[in-house]
Structures are given as C-alpha cells and as structure tokens.
C-alpha cells in the first residue's frame, strides 16, 4: 500500500520489537520497514525518504533514545519520534521533551493507545499519555511556582482561552477548528501566540500552565 506509515522501530530487546511489529503489521496501514537495537544503528539506517515515523525506547546501549532524538532532528527537522519506554521518571520525560520528541508513551499502554498516539503524531500534533502528563504536573506542583515562567504575565484573549481549554481536553487542531468554526491556520496562529505569551515550549507546557492557574473548572 502506498499510504502505509513506514516505521523505524528502535529497541535493544528483539522480543519487544517483534511484538510491536507483529501488532502493527496486523493492519495494512503500518509497515515496520526498519529495525535497530540502539540509537547508533538507527542513525545509520534512518532515511527520511523511506521512514515516516520513529518509535524508540530510551535506555539502550551505545546511544540512548534522548541522544537519538536530538541527532535525528539535526538530520530532519520535521522528523516524528514517539518514545515507547518503561521510563516513567520525571527526569527522563523532561529530557525527551527537551530533545524534541513528538510523543511519549509507557510500554504498559494499550494497543489502542499506541495506535491513537501514531494517528495523532502523524496528523501533525503531539501525544503524551495521561500517565506521563500526570507525572510532569505532579512534579511541577511540588517544585515550581506559577510566577517562575514569566515575571509579568500577558493576559490571554477570550479566543486564546477557548483554544487553550480545548488543548487541555486533548482536542486535535482539526477538532479545535471544527468546534470553533475557524481555519486550521488560525488555530496554529493562536497556538503560537499562546506559546509566546505563556513562555511555554510545547503543548504539554500549555496544559501545565492552565492547571497551575486553575483556569478551567472542568479540568
């Protein structure tokens, strides 16, 4: 199939690679076209014309998933990378987010959630599992004050608040556009404004920003 999502699967455990590959290739939509057992091998095999998505573990010999993500972004700034790992420590999560990972899942996730993450990332959005988001926010609530991000906060417009609310409810860009009857380019523009005004670096940061300030009663 020409529309197959071609995946580079990186994990130092062959049995895990085989299990993920077997599950994904039950569907005609996915093809694990390349495998690697560490970041070094993945860099050697990666070809942006042949790979649509990289799914990687974090702790691996020779080159870990954090370094791999950074190196891949040097090769292709638009590369999509999902971390699929047992590492649920805040330290590893933050390092992967900083490296530029597009999604972060724990290996105890359901098969349905993995497919949802792939679909979300391939549609141009980011995906972080609820458990990962909770870990980040629990750490921030213990260690950070809301005033640390900006010394003077810039007020958000009513439209920006509407979009931030939908972001927190895990709406995709298209779903936000449909809900508010605006174009996807307008959604992108508002997201950029939100990131600039709040000082956040990504969507996960926006969620944390909203929760720290209890902006929405239903979250």
N, C-alpha and C. Protein backbone atom coordinates (compact mmCIF):
# COMPACT_ATOMS: atom_id res chain seq x y z
N UNK A 1 0.84 -1.21 0.00
CA UNK A 1 0.00 0.00 0.00
C UNK A 1 0.87 1.25 0.00
N UNK A 2 0.51 2.19 -0.85
CA UNK A 2 1.31 3.41 -0.94
C UNK A 2 1.09 4.33 0.26
N UNK A 3 -0.04 4.17 0.93
CA UNK A 3 -0.34 5.06 2.05
C UNK A 3 0.09 4.49 3.39
N UNK A 4 0.86 3.42 3.38
CA UNK A 4 1.33 2.84 4.63
C UNK A 4 2.25 3.81 5.38
N UNK A 5 2.12 3.82 6.70
CA UNK A 5 3.05 4.58 7.54
C UNK A 5 4.27 3.70 7.76
N UNK A 6 5.41 4.17 7.30
CA UNK A 6 6.65 3.38 7.36
C UNK A 6 7.40 3.74 8.64
N UNK A 7 7.69 2.73 9.43
CA UNK A 7 8.20 2.95 10.79
C UNK A 7 9.60 2.37 10.96
N UNK A 8 10.44 3.16 11.64
CA UNK A 8 11.73 2.66 12.13
C UNK A 8 11.55 2.37 13.61
N UNK A 9 11.70 1.12 13.99
CA UNK A 9 11.49 0.67 15.37
C UNK A 9 12.83 0.45 16.05
N UNK A 10 13.04 1.18 17.16
CA UNK A 10 14.35 1.14 17.83
C UNK A 10 14.17 0.66 19.27
N UNK A 11 14.73 -0.53 19.57
CA UNK A 11 14.65 -1.09 20.92
C UNK A 11 15.73 -2.17 21.02
N UNK A 12 16.42 -2.21 22.15
CA UNK A 12 17.50 -3.19 22.27
C UNK A 12 17.02 -4.59 22.61
N UNK A 13 15.72 -4.77 22.79
CA UNK A 13 15.18 -6.10 23.06
C UNK A 13 14.42 -6.60 21.83
N UNK A 14 14.97 -7.66 21.22
CA UNK A 14 14.39 -8.18 19.99
C UNK A 14 12.94 -8.64 20.18
N UNK A 15 12.65 -9.26 21.33
CA UNK A 15 11.30 -9.77 21.57
C UNK A 15 10.28 -8.63 21.60
N UNK A 16 10.69 -7.50 22.16
CA UNK A 16 9.79 -6.35 22.21
C UNK A 16 9.56 -5.81 20.80
N UNK A 17 10.64 -5.71 20.02
CA UNK A 17 10.50 -5.26 18.63
C UNK A 17 9.57 -6.18 17.86
N UNK A 18 9.75 -7.48 18.05
CA UNK A 18 8.92 -8.44 17.33
C UNK A 18 7.45 -8.32 17.72
N UNK A 19 7.20 -8.11 19.02
CA UNK A 19 5.82 -7.97 19.48
C UNK A 19 5.14 -6.74 18.91
N UNK A 20 5.84 -5.60 18.94
CA UNK A 20 5.27 -4.35 18.41
C UNK A 20 5.08 -4.47 16.90
N UNK A 21 6.07 -5.03 16.23
CA UNK A 21 5.99 -5.19 14.77
C UNK A 21 4.81 -6.07 14.39
N UNK A 22 4.64 -7.18 15.09
CA UNK A 22 3.55 -8.11 14.80
C UNK A 22 2.20 -7.43 14.98
N UNK A 23 2.06 -6.66 16.06
CA UNK A 23 0.80 -5.96 16.31
C UNK A 23 0.51 -4.93 15.24
N UNK A 24 1.50 -4.08 14.94
CA UNK A 24 1.29 -3.00 13.97
C UNK A 24 0.99 -3.55 12.58
N UNK A 25 1.69 -4.62 12.20
CA UNK A 25 1.52 -5.11 10.84
C UNK A 25 0.30 -6.01 10.67
N UNK A 26 -0.49 -6.16 11.76
CA UNK A 26 -1.81 -6.77 11.61
C UNK A 26 -2.70 -5.87 10.77
N UNK A 27 -2.35 -4.59 10.73
CA UNK A 27 -3.08 -3.61 9.93
C UNK A 27 -2.29 -3.28 8.68
N UNK A 28 -2.99 -3.09 7.57
CA UNK A 28 -2.33 -2.73 6.32
C UNK A 28 -1.83 -1.28 6.34
N UNK A 29 -2.17 -0.54 7.40
CA UNK A 29 -1.81 0.88 7.46
C UNK A 29 -0.37 1.10 7.91
N UNK A 30 0.26 0.08 8.49
CA UNK A 30 1.59 0.26 9.08
C UNK A 30 2.58 -0.75 8.54
N UNK A 31 3.81 -0.30 8.37
CA UNK A 31 4.89 -1.18 7.93
C UNK A 31 6.14 -0.85 8.73
N UNK A 32 6.63 -1.81 9.51
CA UNK A 32 7.90 -1.63 10.21
C UNK A 32 8.98 -1.98 9.19
N UNK A 33 9.44 -0.97 8.47
CA UNK A 33 10.35 -1.19 7.35
C UNK A 33 11.81 -1.29 7.78
N UNK A 34 12.11 -0.78 8.99
CA UNK A 34 13.48 -0.87 9.50
C UNK A 34 13.45 -1.09 11.01
N UNK A 35 14.45 -1.80 11.51
CA UNK A 35 14.61 -2.03 12.94
C UNK A 35 16.05 -1.72 13.35
N UNK A 36 16.22 -1.29 14.59
CA UNK A 36 17.56 -1.05 15.12
C UNK A 36 17.55 -1.36 16.61
N UNK A 37 18.71 -1.80 17.14
CA UNK A 37 18.75 -2.17 18.55
C UNK A 37 19.39 -1.08 19.42
N UNK A 38 19.78 0.03 18.80
CA UNK A 38 20.28 1.17 19.56
C UNK A 38 20.27 2.41 18.68
N UNK A 39 20.55 3.56 19.28
CA UNK A 39 20.50 4.81 18.54
C UNK A 39 21.53 4.91 17.43
N UNK A 40 22.71 4.36 17.67
CA UNK A 40 23.76 4.42 16.65
C UNK A 40 23.32 3.70 15.38
N UNK A 41 22.78 2.51 15.54
CA UNK A 41 22.30 1.74 14.39
C UNK A 41 21.12 2.46 13.72
N UNK A 42 20.27 3.07 14.52
CA UNK A 42 19.11 3.79 13.98
C UNK A 42 19.55 4.96 13.10
N UNK A 43 20.55 5.72 13.55
CA UNK A 43 21.06 6.85 12.76
C UNK A 43 21.62 6.35 11.43
N UNK A 44 22.32 5.24 11.47
CA UNK A 44 22.91 4.67 10.26
C UNK A 44 21.84 4.25 9.26
N UNK A 45 20.72 3.75 9.77
CA UNK A 45 19.67 3.24 8.89
C UNK A 45 18.66 4.30 8.47
N UNK A 46 18.53 5.37 9.26
CA UNK A 46 17.47 6.34 9.01
C UNK A 46 17.60 7.02 7.66
N UNK A 47 16.50 7.05 6.93
CA UNK A 47 16.42 7.73 5.64
C UNK A 47 15.06 8.40 5.59
N UNK A 48 15.04 9.74 5.58
CA UNK A 48 13.77 10.47 5.66
C UNK A 48 12.85 10.16 4.48
N UNK A 49 13.42 9.70 3.36
CA UNK A 49 12.58 9.37 2.20
C UNK A 49 11.94 7.99 2.34
N UNK A 50 12.43 7.21 3.30
CA UNK A 50 11.94 5.85 3.48
C UNK A 50 11.20 5.64 4.80
N UNK A 51 11.31 6.61 5.72
CA UNK A 51 10.74 6.46 7.06
C UNK A 51 9.81 7.63 7.37
N UNK A 52 8.60 7.33 7.84
CA UNK A 52 7.64 8.37 8.22
C UNK A 52 7.63 8.63 9.72
N UNK A 53 8.00 7.62 10.50
CA UNK A 53 7.89 7.71 11.96
C UNK A 53 8.95 6.85 12.63
N UNK A 54 9.53 7.36 13.71
CA UNK A 54 10.48 6.59 14.51
C UNK A 54 9.84 6.32 15.87
N UNK A 55 9.82 5.06 16.28
CA UNK A 55 9.36 4.67 17.62
C UNK A 55 10.57 4.12 18.35
N UNK A 56 10.92 4.74 19.49
CA UNK A 56 12.17 4.34 20.15
C UNK A 56 12.03 4.18 21.65
N UNK A 57 12.82 3.27 22.19
CA UNK A 57 13.00 3.15 23.63
C UNK A 57 13.96 4.26 24.07
N UNK A 58 14.17 4.42 25.37
CA UNK A 58 15.10 5.44 25.86
C UNK A 58 16.45 4.82 26.24
N UNK A 59 16.44 3.91 27.21
CA UNK A 59 17.70 3.33 27.68
C UNK A 59 18.15 2.21 26.74
N UNK A 60 19.23 2.46 26.01
CA UNK A 60 19.79 1.49 25.07
C UNK A 60 21.31 1.63 25.07
N UNK A 61 22.03 0.58 24.74
CA UNK A 61 23.50 0.68 24.68
C UNK A 61 23.94 1.54 23.49
N UNK A 62 25.16 2.07 23.59
CA UNK A 62 25.82 2.86 22.53
C UNK A 62 25.22 4.25 22.35
N UNK A 63 23.93 4.35 22.09
CA UNK A 63 23.28 5.65 22.00
C UNK A 63 21.85 5.52 22.49
N UNK A 64 21.45 6.34 23.49
CA UNK A 64 20.11 6.24 24.04
C UNK A 64 19.09 7.00 23.18
N UNK A 65 17.82 6.87 23.56
CA UNK A 65 16.75 7.49 22.79
C UNK A 65 16.76 9.00 22.85
N UNK A 66 17.28 9.56 23.94
CA UNK A 66 17.34 11.02 24.08
C UNK A 66 18.32 11.60 23.06
N UNK A 67 19.53 11.01 23.04
CA UNK A 67 20.55 11.46 22.07
C UNK A 67 20.08 11.19 20.65
N UNK A 68 19.46 10.04 20.43
CA UNK A 68 18.96 9.68 19.11
C UNK A 68 17.97 10.72 18.59
N UNK A 69 17.04 11.13 19.44
CA UNK A 69 16.04 12.12 19.02
C UNK A 69 16.71 13.42 18.58
N UNK A 70 17.68 13.87 19.37
CA UNK A 70 18.40 15.09 19.01
C UNK A 70 19.15 14.96 17.71
N UNK A 71 19.78 13.80 17.50
CA UNK A 71 20.55 13.57 16.26
C UNK A 71 19.62 13.49 15.05
N UNK A 72 18.48 12.85 15.21
CA UNK A 72 17.52 12.75 14.11
C UNK A 72 17.01 14.13 13.70
N UNK A 73 16.77 14.99 14.67
CA UNK A 73 16.29 16.34 14.37
C UNK A 73 17.34 17.16 13.62
N UNK A 74 18.61 16.84 13.83
CA UNK A 74 19.67 17.51 13.07
C UNK A 74 19.62 17.08 11.60
N UNK A 75 19.26 15.83 11.38
CA UNK A 75 19.17 15.29 10.02
C UNK A 75 17.90 15.77 9.33
N UNK A 76 16.79 15.76 10.08
CA UNK A 76 15.48 16.13 9.53
C UNK A 76 14.69 16.85 10.61
N UNK A 77 14.54 18.15 10.45
CA UNK A 77 13.87 18.96 11.48
C UNK A 77 12.40 18.60 11.64
N UNK A 78 11.83 17.90 10.66
CA UNK A 78 10.40 17.54 10.71
C UNK A 78 10.18 16.09 11.14
N UNK A 79 11.22 15.43 11.59
CA UNK A 79 11.09 14.02 11.96
C UNK A 79 10.09 13.85 13.10
N UNK A 80 9.30 12.79 13.04
CA UNK A 80 8.33 12.47 14.08
C UNK A 80 8.87 11.29 14.90
N UNK A 81 8.98 11.50 16.20
CA UNK A 81 9.55 10.48 17.09
C UNK A 81 8.62 10.23 18.26
N UNK A 82 8.26 8.98 18.48
CA UNK A 82 7.47 8.59 19.66
C UNK A 82 8.37 7.77 20.58
N UNK A 83 8.45 8.18 21.84
CA UNK A 83 9.17 7.40 22.84
C UNK A 83 8.20 6.35 23.39
N UNK A 84 8.60 5.09 23.34
CA UNK A 84 7.81 3.99 23.89
C UNK A 84 8.74 3.27 24.86
N UNK A 85 8.51 3.47 26.16
CA UNK A 85 9.53 3.10 27.14
C UNK A 85 8.90 2.71 28.48
N UNK A 86 9.71 2.08 29.33
CA UNK A 86 9.29 1.82 30.70
C UNK A 86 9.69 2.96 31.62
N UNK A 87 10.45 3.92 31.08
CA UNK A 87 10.98 5.02 31.90
C UNK A 87 9.89 6.04 32.22
N UNK A 88 9.38 5.97 33.46
CA UNK A 88 8.32 6.91 33.86
C UNK A 88 8.82 7.94 34.88
N UNK A 89 10.15 8.08 34.99
CA UNK A 89 10.70 9.09 35.89
C UNK A 89 10.61 10.46 35.22
N UNK A 90 10.32 11.47 36.03
CA UNK A 90 10.18 12.82 35.51
C UNK A 90 11.44 13.27 34.77
N UNK A 91 12.60 12.85 35.25
CA UNK A 91 13.88 13.24 34.65
C UNK A 91 13.95 12.80 33.18
N UNK A 92 13.63 11.53 32.92
CA UNK A 92 13.70 11.02 31.56
C UNK A 92 12.64 11.68 30.67
N UNK A 93 11.46 11.88 31.23
CA UNK A 93 10.39 12.51 30.45
C UNK A 93 10.81 13.91 30.01
N UNK A 94 11.33 14.69 30.96
CA UNK A 94 11.75 16.06 30.64
C UNK A 94 12.86 16.06 29.60
N UNK A 95 13.80 15.13 29.72
CA UNK A 95 14.92 15.08 28.76
C UNK A 95 14.42 14.77 27.36
N UNK A 96 13.46 13.86 27.25
CA UNK A 96 12.92 13.51 25.94
C UNK A 96 12.13 14.67 25.35
N UNK A 97 11.35 15.36 26.19
CA UNK A 97 10.59 16.52 25.70
C UNK A 97 11.55 17.60 25.22
N UNK A 98 12.61 17.82 25.98
CA UNK A 98 13.60 18.83 25.61
C UNK A 98 14.30 18.45 24.31
N UNK A 99 14.53 17.16 24.11
CA UNK A 99 15.19 16.69 22.89
C UNK A 99 14.32 16.90 21.66
N UNK A 100 13.00 17.01 21.87
CA UNK A 100 12.10 17.29 20.75
C UNK A 100 11.22 16.13 20.34
N UNK A 101 11.01 15.17 21.26
CA UNK A 101 10.17 14.02 20.93
C UNK A 101 8.73 14.47 20.65
N UNK A 102 8.07 13.78 19.73
CA UNK A 102 6.72 14.16 19.31
C UNK A 102 5.65 13.48 20.15
N UNK A 103 5.99 12.34 20.74
CA UNK A 103 5.04 11.62 21.58
C UNK A 103 5.77 10.85 22.65
N UNK A 104 5.08 10.54 23.75
CA UNK A 104 5.71 9.80 24.85
C UNK A 104 4.67 8.85 25.44
N UNK A 105 4.98 7.56 25.37
CA UNK A 105 4.10 6.52 25.90
C UNK A 105 4.89 5.56 26.77
N UNK A 106 4.21 4.97 27.74
CA UNK A 106 4.84 3.92 28.54
C UNK A 106 4.47 2.57 27.94
N UNK A 107 5.35 1.60 28.13
CA UNK A 107 5.14 0.30 27.49
C UNK A 107 3.96 -0.48 28.06
N UNK A 108 3.40 0.00 29.17
CA UNK A 108 2.21 -0.66 29.69
C UNK A 108 0.94 -0.10 29.07
N UNK A 109 1.08 0.74 28.03
CA UNK A 109 -0.10 1.31 27.38
C UNK A 109 -0.83 0.23 26.59
N UNK A 110 -2.07 0.48 26.28
CA UNK A 110 -2.85 -0.47 25.49
C UNK A 110 -2.47 -0.35 24.01
N UNK A 111 -2.79 -1.38 23.25
CA UNK A 111 -2.53 -1.34 21.81
C UNK A 111 -3.33 -0.20 21.17
N UNK A 112 -4.54 0.02 21.68
CA UNK A 112 -5.38 1.10 21.15
C UNK A 112 -4.73 2.47 21.36
N UNK A 113 -4.09 2.65 22.53
CA UNK A 113 -3.47 3.94 22.78
C UNK A 113 -2.26 4.16 21.89
N UNK A 114 -1.50 3.11 21.61
CA UNK A 114 -0.37 3.23 20.70
C UNK A 114 -0.85 3.68 19.32
N UNK A 115 -1.92 3.08 18.85
CA UNK A 115 -2.46 3.47 17.55
C UNK A 115 -2.95 4.92 17.58
N UNK A 116 -3.58 5.31 18.68
CA UNK A 116 -4.05 6.69 18.83
C UNK A 116 -2.87 7.66 18.81
N UNK A 117 -1.79 7.29 19.47
CA UNK A 117 -0.60 8.14 19.50
C UNK A 117 -0.01 8.30 18.10
N UNK A 118 0.07 7.20 17.36
CA UNK A 118 0.61 7.26 16.00
C UNK A 118 -0.27 8.14 15.12
N UNK A 119 -1.57 7.95 15.22
CA UNK A 119 -2.51 8.74 14.42
C UNK A 119 -2.39 10.23 14.75
N UNK A 120 -2.27 10.54 16.05
CA UNK A 120 -2.17 11.93 16.49
C UNK A 120 -0.89 12.58 15.99
N UNK A 121 0.21 11.86 16.15
CA UNK A 121 1.52 12.40 15.73
C UNK A 121 1.58 12.57 14.21
N UNK A 122 1.06 11.60 13.48
CA UNK A 122 1.11 11.67 12.02
C UNK A 122 0.19 12.75 11.47
N UNK A 123 -0.78 13.19 12.27
CA UNK A 123 -1.66 14.29 11.84
C UNK A 123 -1.07 15.66 12.16
N UNK A 124 0.14 15.66 12.74
CA UNK A 124 0.82 16.91 12.99
C UNK A 124 0.73 17.43 14.41
N UNK A 125 0.16 16.62 15.32
CA UNK A 125 0.03 17.02 16.71
C UNK A 125 0.97 16.20 17.60
N UNK A 126 1.04 16.57 18.85
CA UNK A 126 1.86 15.83 19.81
C UNK A 126 0.96 14.95 20.68
N UNK A 127 1.54 13.86 21.18
CA UNK A 127 0.75 12.95 22.04
C UNK A 127 1.57 12.53 23.24
N UNK A 128 1.04 12.81 24.43
CA UNK A 128 1.65 12.35 25.67
C UNK A 128 0.57 11.60 26.45
N UNK A 129 0.89 10.40 26.90
CA UNK A 129 -0.10 9.61 27.62
C UNK A 129 -0.51 10.34 28.90
N UNK A 130 -1.68 10.01 29.40
CA UNK A 130 -2.19 10.67 30.60
C UNK A 130 -1.24 10.45 31.78
N UNK A 131 -0.67 9.25 31.87
CA UNK A 131 0.24 8.96 32.99
C UNK A 131 1.48 9.85 32.92
N UNK A 132 2.00 10.06 31.71
CA UNK A 132 3.17 10.91 31.53
C UNK A 132 2.84 12.36 31.89
N UNK A 133 1.69 12.84 31.42
CA UNK A 133 1.26 14.21 31.74
C UNK A 133 1.09 14.38 33.24
N UNK A 134 0.51 13.38 33.90
CA UNK A 134 0.31 13.45 35.35
C UNK A 134 1.64 13.53 36.09
N UNK A 135 2.63 12.77 35.64
CA UNK A 135 3.94 12.77 36.28
C UNK A 135 4.57 14.16 36.19
N UNK A 136 4.49 14.77 35.03
CA UNK A 136 5.05 16.11 34.83
C UNK A 136 4.36 17.11 35.75
N UNK A 137 3.04 17.05 35.79
CA UNK A 137 2.29 18.05 36.54
C UNK A 137 2.42 17.86 38.05
N UNK A 138 2.54 16.61 38.48
CA UNK A 138 2.75 16.36 39.91
C UNK A 138 4.09 16.93 40.36
N UNK A 139 5.09 16.79 39.51
CA UNK A 139 6.41 17.33 39.84
C UNK A 139 6.39 18.85 39.88
N UNK A 140 5.71 19.44 38.91
CA UNK A 140 5.64 20.90 38.87
C UNK A 140 4.88 21.47 40.06
N UNK A 141 3.82 20.79 40.47
CA UNK A 141 3.04 21.29 41.60
C UNK A 141 3.84 21.25 42.90
N UNK A 142 4.82 20.35 42.96
CA UNK A 142 5.65 20.26 44.16
C UNK A 142 6.81 21.25 44.16
N UNK A 143 7.34 21.49 42.95
CA UNK A 143 8.62 22.21 42.88
C UNK A 143 8.60 23.58 42.25
N UNK A 144 7.50 23.95 41.57
CA UNK A 144 7.53 25.21 40.85
C UNK A 144 6.36 26.11 41.21
N UNK A 145 6.62 27.39 41.14
CA UNK A 145 5.57 28.38 41.34
C UNK A 145 5.14 28.91 39.99
N UNK A 146 3.86 29.23 39.82
CA UNK A 146 3.39 29.72 38.53
C UNK A 146 4.12 30.97 38.07
N UNK A 147 4.61 31.78 38.99
CA UNK A 147 5.24 33.05 38.62
C UNK A 147 6.65 32.87 38.09
N UNK A 148 7.17 31.66 38.13
CA UNK A 148 8.54 31.46 37.67
C UNK A 148 8.68 31.59 36.16
N UNK A 149 7.60 31.27 35.41
CA UNK A 149 7.73 31.26 33.97
C UNK A 149 7.86 32.65 33.39
N UNK A 150 7.04 33.59 33.88
CA UNK A 150 7.09 34.96 33.40
C UNK A 150 7.01 35.92 34.58
N UNK A 151 7.85 36.93 34.57
CA UNK A 151 7.80 37.91 35.64
C UNK A 151 6.55 38.77 35.51
N UNK A 152 6.15 39.09 34.26
CA UNK A 152 4.92 39.83 34.01
C UNK A 152 4.10 39.01 33.02
N UNK A 153 2.96 38.54 33.44
CA UNK A 153 2.15 37.70 32.57
C UNK A 153 1.30 38.55 31.63
N UNK A 154 1.24 38.13 30.38
CA UNK A 154 0.45 38.83 29.38
C UNK A 154 -0.93 38.18 29.35
N UNK A 155 -2.00 38.97 29.52
CA UNK A 155 -3.35 38.40 29.54
C UNK A 155 -3.68 37.67 28.24
N UNK A 156 -4.42 36.59 28.36
CA UNK A 156 -4.87 35.84 27.19
C UNK A 156 -6.23 36.37 26.75
N UNK A 157 -6.46 36.39 25.45
CA UNK A 157 -7.75 36.82 24.93
C UNK A 157 -8.78 35.72 25.17
N UNK A 158 -10.04 36.06 25.01
CA UNK A 158 -11.11 35.07 25.20
C UNK A 158 -10.98 33.93 24.21
N UNK A 159 -10.58 34.24 22.97
CA UNK A 159 -10.40 33.19 21.96
C UNK A 159 -9.22 32.30 22.33
N UNK A 160 -8.14 32.88 22.80
CA UNK A 160 -6.97 32.09 23.22
C UNK A 160 -7.33 31.18 24.38
N UNK A 161 -8.16 31.67 25.29
CA UNK A 161 -8.61 30.84 26.41
C UNK A 161 -9.47 29.68 25.92
N UNK A 162 -10.32 29.96 24.94
CA UNK A 162 -11.15 28.89 24.36
C UNK A 162 -10.27 27.80 23.76
N UNK A 163 -9.26 28.21 23.01
CA UNK A 163 -8.38 27.24 22.37
C UNK A 163 -7.53 26.49 23.41
N UNK A 164 -7.06 27.20 24.41
CA UNK A 164 -6.28 26.56 25.48
C UNK A 164 -7.13 25.52 26.20
N UNK A 165 -8.39 25.83 26.42
CA UNK A 165 -9.31 24.90 27.08
C UNK A 165 -9.44 23.62 26.26
N UNK A 166 -9.59 23.76 24.96
CA UNK A 166 -9.73 22.58 24.09
C UNK A 166 -8.42 21.80 23.99
N UNK A 167 -7.30 22.50 24.03
CA UNK A 167 -5.99 21.82 24.04
C UNK A 167 -5.90 20.94 25.29
N UNK A 168 -6.33 21.48 26.42
CA UNK A 168 -6.29 20.73 27.68
C UNK A 168 -7.21 19.51 27.64
N UNK A 169 -8.25 19.58 26.80
CA UNK A 169 -9.17 18.46 26.66
C UNK A 169 -8.74 17.50 25.54
N UNK A 170 -7.48 17.70 25.08
CA UNK A 170 -6.83 16.81 24.11
C UNK A 170 -7.47 16.86 22.73
N UNK A 171 -8.06 18.00 22.37
CA UNK A 171 -8.58 18.17 21.02
C UNK A 171 -7.41 18.33 20.04
N UNK A 172 -7.54 17.76 18.86
CA UNK A 172 -6.55 17.97 17.81
C UNK A 172 -6.78 19.34 17.17
N UNK A 173 -5.85 19.78 16.34
CA UNK A 173 -6.01 21.05 15.64
C UNK A 173 -7.29 21.07 14.82
N UNK A 174 -7.57 19.96 14.13
CA UNK A 174 -8.77 19.89 13.29
C UNK A 174 -10.03 19.95 14.15
N UNK A 175 -10.02 19.24 15.27
CA UNK A 175 -11.19 19.25 16.15
C UNK A 175 -11.43 20.64 16.74
N UNK A 176 -10.34 21.35 17.06
CA UNK A 176 -10.48 22.73 17.57
C UNK A 176 -11.08 23.62 16.49
N UNK A 177 -10.57 23.48 15.27
CA UNK A 177 -11.07 24.28 14.15
C UNK A 177 -12.55 24.03 13.92
N UNK A 178 -12.95 22.75 13.95
CA UNK A 178 -14.37 22.39 13.75
C UNK A 178 -15.24 22.91 14.88
N UNK A 179 -14.76 22.80 16.11
CA UNK A 179 -15.53 23.21 17.29
C UNK A 179 -15.77 24.72 17.29
N UNK A 180 -14.76 25.49 16.87
CA UNK A 180 -14.84 26.95 16.95
C UNK A 180 -15.16 27.60 15.60
N UNK A 181 -15.35 26.75 14.57
CA UNK A 181 -15.69 27.25 13.23
C UNK A 181 -14.63 28.22 12.70
N UNK A 182 -13.37 27.83 12.84
CA UNK A 182 -12.26 28.63 12.32
C UNK A 182 -11.34 27.71 11.52
N UNK A 183 -10.42 28.30 10.76
CA UNK A 183 -9.50 27.51 9.96
C UNK A 183 -8.36 26.96 10.79
N UNK A 184 -7.72 25.90 10.27
CA UNK A 184 -6.61 25.29 11.00
C UNK A 184 -5.41 26.22 11.07
N UNK A 185 -5.25 27.08 10.06
CA UNK A 185 -4.16 28.06 10.12
C UNK A 185 -4.39 29.05 11.26
N UNK A 186 -5.66 29.38 11.49
CA UNK A 186 -5.99 30.28 12.59
C UNK A 186 -5.69 29.61 13.93
N UNK A 187 -5.99 28.31 14.01
CA UNK A 187 -5.68 27.56 15.23
C UNK A 187 -4.17 27.57 15.47
N UNK A 188 -3.40 27.31 14.42
CA UNK A 188 -1.93 27.33 14.54
C UNK A 188 -1.43 28.69 15.01
N UNK A 189 -2.02 29.75 14.47
CA UNK A 189 -1.59 31.10 14.84
C UNK A 189 -1.88 31.37 16.32
N UNK A 190 -3.06 30.95 16.78
CA UNK A 190 -3.40 31.14 18.19
C UNK A 190 -2.48 30.31 19.09
N UNK A 191 -2.13 29.10 18.65
CA UNK A 191 -1.22 28.26 19.45
C UNK A 191 0.14 28.93 19.58
N UNK A 192 0.61 29.51 18.48
CA UNK A 192 1.91 30.20 18.54
C UNK A 192 1.83 31.39 19.50
N UNK A 193 0.71 32.11 19.46
CA UNK A 193 0.53 33.23 20.38
C UNK A 193 0.50 32.76 21.83
N UNK A 194 -0.18 31.63 22.06
CA UNK A 194 -0.26 31.08 23.42
C UNK A 194 1.14 30.71 23.93
N UNK A 195 1.92 30.06 23.09
CA UNK A 195 3.28 29.68 23.49
C UNK A 195 4.12 30.91 23.80
N UNK A 196 3.98 31.94 22.96
CA UNK A 196 4.77 33.16 23.17
C UNK A 196 4.35 33.89 24.43
N UNK A 197 3.03 34.01 24.65
CA UNK A 197 2.54 34.75 25.81
C UNK A 197 2.84 34.05 27.12
N UNK A 198 2.74 32.73 27.12
CA UNK A 198 2.92 31.97 28.36
C UNK A 198 4.38 31.60 28.63
N UNK A 199 5.20 31.66 27.60
CA UNK A 199 6.59 31.26 27.76
C UNK A 199 6.76 29.76 27.72
N UNK A 200 5.72 29.03 27.34
CA UNK A 200 5.80 27.57 27.26
C UNK A 200 6.51 27.15 25.98
N UNK A 201 7.08 25.94 25.99
CA UNK A 201 7.82 25.46 24.83
C UNK A 201 7.00 24.50 23.98
N UNK A 202 5.97 23.93 24.55
CA UNK A 202 5.18 22.95 23.80
C UNK A 202 3.79 22.83 24.40
N UNK A 203 2.97 21.96 23.80
CA UNK A 203 1.58 21.79 24.22
C UNK A 203 1.49 21.28 25.65
N UNK A 204 2.40 20.38 26.03
CA UNK A 204 2.39 19.87 27.41
C UNK A 204 2.58 21.02 28.39
N UNK A 205 3.44 21.97 28.02
CA UNK A 205 3.66 23.15 28.87
C UNK A 205 2.41 23.99 29.01
N UNK A 206 1.63 24.10 27.92
CA UNK A 206 0.38 24.86 27.98
C UNK A 206 -0.62 24.21 28.93
N UNK A 207 -0.66 22.88 28.91
CA UNK A 207 -1.56 22.16 29.82
C UNK A 207 -1.16 22.42 31.27
N UNK A 208 0.14 22.35 31.52
CA UNK A 208 0.64 22.63 32.87
C UNK A 208 0.31 24.06 33.27
N UNK A 209 0.49 25.00 32.37
CA UNK A 209 0.19 26.43 32.62
C UNK A 209 -1.27 26.59 33.06
N UNK A 210 -2.18 25.95 32.33
CA UNK A 210 -3.61 26.07 32.65
C UNK A 210 -3.94 25.44 33.99
N UNK A 211 -3.34 24.28 34.26
CA UNK A 211 -3.64 23.58 35.51
C UNK A 211 -3.05 24.31 36.71
N UNK A 212 -1.87 24.87 36.56
CA UNK A 212 -1.25 25.61 37.67
C UNK A 212 -2.13 26.77 38.12
N UNK A 213 -2.79 27.38 37.14
CA UNK A 213 -3.59 28.57 37.44
C UNK A 213 -5.08 28.28 37.60
N UNK A 214 -5.44 26.98 37.51
CA UNK A 214 -6.85 26.56 37.66
C UNK A 214 -7.75 27.42 36.75
N UNK A 215 -7.35 27.51 35.48
CA UNK A 215 -8.08 28.36 34.54
C UNK A 215 -9.46 27.81 34.19
N UNK A 216 -9.60 26.48 34.27
CA UNK A 216 -10.85 25.86 33.83
C UNK A 216 -11.37 24.91 34.92
N UNK A 217 -12.63 25.07 35.27
CA UNK A 217 -13.21 24.31 36.39
C UNK A 217 -13.38 22.83 36.07
N UNK A 218 -13.48 22.47 34.79
CA UNK A 218 -13.77 21.06 34.45
C UNK A 218 -12.49 20.23 34.24
N UNK A 219 -11.32 20.78 34.57
CA UNK A 219 -10.07 20.02 34.42
C UNK A 219 -9.57 19.54 35.77
